[in-house]
Amino acid sequence: MARDKSPIVKQSRREGFALAPKAHKIMAKKSGIPGQHGDMRVRGGSLYLTQLREKQKVRRLYGLLEKQFAKLMKEAQKAEGLTGEILLEFLERRADNVVFRAGFASTRRQARQLVSHGHFTLNGRRVDIPSIRLKAGDKLEVRAKSQKSEYFKNLDNIVAASGVTPLSWMKSDAKKMTIEITGKPKREEAEAGINEQLIVEYYSR
C-alpha cells in the first residue's frame, strides 16, 4: 500500500505541527510552508480550510492514508458517544501507535515498520498489521527471535531516551519487552494540540 514517504519534518512544516519528536527543534528555527515560495501559498483562514488542515494534520500524525482515515471516521460516526473522541480512541489503539506510545520506537513511522516486519506477537501470535486495534487485556510482546537483534537488546536505553509519559491505559516493560493494554485511551492523554471537533465538522459537510 502506498505511503507518504516525504520527510517527516517537511510534512510537519506543511501542517504547522510537529508530527514527530525530531521535528520540534527544526520547526523552532524554521516556519512557514516548505518550499521557496511556501509562505506565498498560504490561503485565507476560512473555516473549511481550518477544518481541512486539522484533518490532514491528524491523518499525517498517525500515518494513515486518506481512504483509511475516512473509513475510520465513518466507523466513529456510527459508534455511541462523542464522534471526535471515539476517532481519537480508535487511532490511539492502533498497534503501531501503542508501540510508539510505549517508547519502543522513536516515531510512529518506525513503530509501523517494526510491527509490519513481524517483530511482535499479539496474545502469543505473530502480528504484522500496524492498523490492528488493541483492546483491554491484549498483550504485545517482542518475538523471541527479534529479541536477539541489536535494536531490541538496546530497548531499555531506547525507551529511556524517548522520554515517554506513562499512560493510564497501558503497562509496558522494556526489560520483558512487553506492552499490556489495561483500559481505554483517555481524551486528556491523547496527543496535545488536536482539535477533533474540527475534523468532525469537516466530515459533516
Foldseek 3Di string as FASTA:
>chain_A
DDFPPPDQLLLCQQLVHRLFPVNVVVCVVDHAHDDPCRNVPDDDDDLLVVLVSLLSSVCVSLGHDPVVLVVLLVVLVPDPDDSLVSSLQLSCQFQLNLCVLQLQDRGSVVSLVCQLVQQKAKVNHTGNHRNDGDAAFIKIAGDPVNCPDPSLVCSVVSSVVSPHDDFPQWDADSVRRMIGGHHTHDPVPGDPPHDSVSNVVNVVD
